[in-house]
Amino acid sequence: MLLLNFGHPLTDAQIARIRELVGRDIERILTVPTQFDHARPFDEQVRGLLATVPLTPEQWQTTPLLLNPPSLAPITAILLAEIHGRTGYFPAILRLRPLAATIPPQFEVAEILHLQGIRDAARAHRSG
């Protein structure tokens, strides 16, 4: 499994928790620095960001992916749309939550969100 990290660096404890939750080894963690210029279109910047990920079109379609998404929601939405277009499915993503009363703020891995499963389940609620 390839973990694409578009967020803050992950700690050893967070990585151990991810391994526990997915039930398999994380073969590779690729940290993708995600700093955007608010004066430029985000879709162009997301495509540029993904161009730095060293995957071939075949690897995008065959490599099991897990994402730590960026914090800014519009970037995450565009990123997921772009990745869906490359893979044919929505990847799983991490949800981090803050730990209480920590200085500096610290986060733990709360869950893995299986977006494709969520999308597939939502289809049952379509009318018509």
C-alpha atoms as a PDB file:
ATOM      1  CA  MET A   1       0.000   0.000   0.000  1.00  0.00           C
ATOM      2  CA  LEU A   2       1.181   3.495  -0.870  1.00  0.00           C
ATOM      3  CA  LEU A   3       0.360   6.279   1.575  1.00  0.00           C
ATOM      4  CA  LEU A   4       0.239   9.655  -0.151  1.00  0.00           C
ATOM      5  CA  ASN A   5       0.674  12.289   2.524  1.00  0.00           C
ATOM      6  CA  PHE A   6      -0.615  15.712   1.452  1.00  0.00           C
ATOM      7  CA  GLY A   7      -0.811  16.918   5.060  1.00  0.00           C
ATOM      8  CA  HIS A   8       1.542  17.408   7.983  1.00  0.00           C
ATOM      9  CA  PRO A   9       4.314  14.869   8.590  1.00  0.00           C
ATOM     10  CA  LEU A  10       3.075  11.686  10.248  1.00  0.00           C
ATOM     11  CA  THR A  11       4.561  10.452  13.521  1.00  0.00           C
ATOM     12  CA  ASP A  12       5.732   6.908  14.191  1.00  0.00           C
ATOM     13  CA  ALA A  13       2.696   6.394  16.460  1.00  0.00           C
ATOM     14  CA  GLN A  14       0.329   7.558  13.699  1.00  0.00           C
ATOM     15  CA  ILE A  15       1.977   5.243  11.164  1.00  0.00           C
ATOM     16  CA  ALA A  16       1.729   2.310  13.586  1.00  0.00           C
ATOM     17  CA  ARG A  17      -1.986   3.057  14.070  1.00  0.00           C
ATOM     18  CA  ILE A  18      -2.512   3.231  10.296  1.00  0.00           C
ATOM     19  CA  ARG A  19      -0.883  -0.199   9.892  1.00  0.00           C
ATOM     20  CA  GLU A  20      -3.150  -1.550  12.634  1.00  0.00           C
ATOM     21  CA  LEU A  21      -6.286  -0.114  11.018  1.00  0.00           C
ATOM     22  CA  VAL A  22      -5.535  -1.263   7.457  1.00  0.00           C
ATOM     23  CA  GLY A  23      -4.259  -4.661   8.561  1.00  0.00           C
ATOM     24  CA  ARG A  24      -1.292  -4.592   6.218  1.00  0.00           C
ATOM     25  CA  ASP A  25       2.075  -2.976   5.829  1.00  0.00           C
ATOM     26  CA  ILE A  26       2.505   0.469   4.369  1.00  0.00           C
ATOM     27  CA  GLU A  27       5.126  -0.276   1.736  1.00  0.00           C
ATOM     28  CA  ARG A  28       5.863   3.331   0.980  1.00  0.00           C
ATOM     29  CA  ILE A  29       4.996   6.773   2.325  1.00  0.00           C
ATOM     30  CA  LEU A  30       5.287   9.593  -0.154  1.00  0.00           C
ATOM     31  CA  THR A  31       5.087  13.063   1.352  1.00  0.00           C
ATOM     32  CA  VAL A  32       3.806  15.587  -1.177  1.00  0.00           C
ATOM     33  CA  PRO A  33       4.343  19.205  -0.043  1.00  0.00           C
ATOM     34  CA  THR A  34       1.027  20.988  -0.522  1.00  0.00           C
ATOM     35  CA  GLN A  35       1.348  24.760  -0.496  1.00  0.00           C
ATOM     36  CA  PHE A  36      -1.065  26.610  -2.759  1.00  0.00           C
ATOM     37  CA  ASP A  37      -1.163  30.110  -4.189  1.00  0.00           C
ATOM     38  CA  HIS A  38      -4.626  31.540  -3.514  1.00  0.00           C
ATOM     39  CA  ALA A  39      -4.274  33.850  -6.519  1.00  0.00           C
ATOM     40  CA  ARG A  40      -4.058  30.916  -8.961  1.00  0.00           C
ATOM     41  CA  PRO A  41      -6.741  28.351  -9.903  1.00  0.00           C
ATOM     42  CA  PHE A  42      -6.647  25.392  -7.544  1.00  0.00           C
ATOM     43  CA  ASP A  43      -7.461  22.788 -10.223  1.00  0.00           C
ATOM     44  CA  GLU A  44      -4.282  23.693 -12.132  1.00  0.00           C
ATOM     45  CA  GLN A  45      -2.251  23.512  -8.927  1.00  0.00           C
ATOM     46  CA  VAL A  46      -3.691  20.102  -8.010  1.00  0.00           C
ATOM     47  CA  ARG A  47      -2.776  18.729 -11.446  1.00  0.00           C
ATOM     48  CA  GLY A  48       0.735  20.125 -10.973  1.00  0.00           C
ATOM     49  CA  LEU A  49       0.912  18.572  -7.524  1.00  0.00           C
ATOM     50  CA  LEU A  50      -0.120  15.155  -8.827  1.00  0.00           C
ATOM     51  CA  ALA A  51       2.430  15.445 -11.636  1.00  0.00           C
ATOM     52  CA  THR A  52       5.095  15.221  -8.906  1.00  0.00           C
ATOM     53  CA  VAL A  53       3.782  11.829  -7.740  1.00  0.00           C
ATOM     54  CA  PRO A  54       6.014   9.239  -9.420  1.00  0.00           C
ATOM     55  CA  LEU A  55       3.281   6.880 -10.628  1.00  0.00           C
ATOM     56  CA  THR A  56       2.644   5.778 -14.185  1.00  0.00           C
ATOM     57  CA  PRO A  57      -0.925   5.657 -15.498  1.00  0.00           C
ATOM     58  CA  GLU A  58      -0.870   1.878 -14.914  1.00  0.00           C
ATOM     59  CA  GLN A  59       0.396   2.318 -11.344  1.00  0.00           C
ATOM     60  CA  TRP A  60      -2.366   4.850 -10.593  1.00  0.00           C
ATOM     61  CA  GLN A  61      -4.854   2.133 -11.546  1.00  0.00           C
ATOM     62  CA  THR A  62      -3.204  -0.806  -9.769  1.00  0.00           C
ATOM     63  CA  THR A  63      -1.461   0.529  -6.649  1.00  0.00           C
ATOM     64  CA  PRO A  64      -3.495   0.354  -3.434  1.00  0.00           C
ATOM     65  CA  LEU A  65      -3.652   3.956  -2.209  1.00  0.00           C
ATOM     66  CA  LEU A  66      -4.322   5.600   1.117  1.00  0.00           C
ATOM     67  CA  LEU A  67      -4.360   9.401   1.407  1.00  0.00           C
ATOM     68  CA  ASN A  68      -3.691  11.812   4.201  1.00  0.00           C
ATOM     69  CA  PRO A  69      -5.554  14.734   2.603  1.00  0.00           C
ATOM     70  CA  PRO A  70      -4.582  18.381   2.854  1.00  0.00           C
ATOM     71  CA  SER A  71      -6.387  20.479   5.445  1.00  0.00           C
ATOM     72  CA  LEU A  72      -8.041  22.911   3.030  1.00  0.00           C
ATOM     73  CA  ALA A  73     -11.360  21.402   1.877  1.00  0.00           C
ATOM     74  CA  PRO A  74     -11.427  22.795  -1.696  1.00  0.00           C
ATOM     75  CA  ILE A  75      -7.966  21.366  -2.370  1.00  0.00           C
ATOM     76  CA  THR A  76      -9.028  17.996  -0.980  1.00  0.00           C
ATOM     77  CA  ALA A  77     -12.194  17.964  -3.115  1.00  0.00           C
ATOM     78  CA  ILE A  78     -10.261  18.691  -6.308  1.00  0.00           C
ATOM     79  CA  LEU A  79      -7.545  16.209  -5.340  1.00  0.00           C
ATOM     80  CA  LEU A  80     -10.127  13.446  -4.848  1.00  0.00           C
ATOM     81  CA  ALA A  81     -11.781  14.235  -8.188  1.00  0.00           C
ATOM     82  CA  GLU A  82      -8.412  14.120  -9.970  1.00  0.00           C
ATOM     83  CA  ILE A  83      -7.389  10.872  -8.271  1.00  0.00           C
ATOM     84  CA  HIS A  84     -10.758   9.284  -9.063  1.00  0.00           C
ATOM     85  CA  GLY A  85     -10.196  10.203 -12.696  1.00  0.00           C
ATOM     86  CA  ARG A  86      -6.783   8.499 -12.648  1.00  0.00           C
ATOM     87  CA  THR A  87      -7.726   5.409 -10.640  1.00  0.00           C
ATOM     88  CA  GLY A  88     -11.392   4.848 -11.449  1.00  0.00           C
ATOM     89  CA  TYR A  89     -12.357   4.836  -7.763  1.00  0.00           C
ATOM     90  CA  PHE A  90     -12.265   7.003  -4.663  1.00  0.00           C
ATOM     91  CA  PRO A  91      -9.296   6.175  -2.425  1.00  0.00           C
ATOM     92  CA  ALA A  92      -9.422   5.609   1.302  1.00  0.00           C
ATOM     93  CA  ILE A  93      -8.411   8.613   3.397  1.00  0.00           C
ATOM     94  CA  LEU A  94      -7.195   9.185   6.946  1.00  0.00           C
ATOM     95  CA  ARG A  95      -9.178  11.115   9.514  1.00  0.00           C
ATOM     96  CA  LEU A  96      -7.024  12.632  12.216  1.00  0.00           C
ATOM     97  CA  ARG A  97      -8.412  14.032  15.450  1.00  0.00           C
ATOM     98  CA  PRO A  98      -6.796  16.294  18.033  1.00  0.00           C
ATOM     99  CA  LEU A  99      -5.673  14.886  21.351  1.00  0.00           C
ATOM    100  CA  ALA A 100      -7.020  16.771  24.343  1.00  0.00           C
ATOM    101  CA  ALA A 101      -4.818  19.161  26.287  1.00  0.00           C
ATOM    102  CA  THR A 102      -1.593  18.690  24.340  1.00  0.00           C
ATOM    103  CA  ILE A 103       0.992  21.397  23.851  1.00  0.00           C
ATOM    104  CA  PRO A 104       1.827  21.725  21.060  1.00  0.00           C
ATOM    105  CA  PRO A 105      -1.351  20.345  19.480  1.00  0.00           C
ATOM    106  CA  GLN A 106      -1.062  16.654  18.643  1.00  0.00           C
ATOM    107  CA  PHE A 107      -3.259  14.425  16.519  1.00  0.00           C
ATOM    108  CA  GLU A 108      -4.065  10.737  16.411  1.00  0.00           C
ATOM    109  CA  VAL A 109      -5.421   8.646  13.566  1.00  0.00           C
ATOM    110  CA  ALA A 110      -9.136   8.308  14.311  1.00  0.00           C
ATOM    111  CA  GLU A 111     -10.213   6.138  11.398  1.00  0.00           C
ATOM    112  CA  ILE A 112      -9.754   5.176   7.789  1.00  0.00           C
ATOM    113  CA  LEU A 113     -12.616   6.423   5.612  1.00  0.00           C
ATOM    114  CA  HIS A 114     -13.288   4.109   2.685  1.00  0.00           C
ATOM    115  CA  LEU A 115     -14.677   6.700   0.286  1.00  0.00           C
ATOM    116  CA  GLN A 116     -15.543   4.264  -2.502  1.00  0.00           C
ATOM    117  CA  GLY A 117     -17.602   2.172  -0.081  1.00  0.00           C
ATOM    118  CA  ILE A 118     -19.325   5.302   1.201  1.00  0.00           C
ATOM    119  CA  ARG A 119     -20.050   6.379  -2.384  1.00  0.00           C
ATOM    120  CA  ASP A 120     -21.370   2.931  -3.312  1.00  0.00           C
ATOM    121  CA  ALA A 121     -23.638   2.817  -0.237  1.00  0.00           C
ATOM    122  CA  ALA A 122     -24.964   6.294  -1.050  1.00  0.00           C
ATOM    123  CA  ARG A 123     -26.200   5.064  -4.439  1.00  0.00           C
ATOM    124  CA  ALA A 124     -28.927   3.162  -2.597  1.00  0.00           C
ATOM    125  CA  HIS A 125     -30.437   6.524  -1.655  1.00  0.00           C
ATOM    126  CA  ARG A 126     -30.875   7.715  -5.242  1.00  0.00           C
ATOM    127  CA  SER A 127     -34.414   8.251  -6.329  1.00  0.00           C
ATOM    128  CA  GLY A 128     -35.802   7.101  -9.634  1.00  0.00           C
END
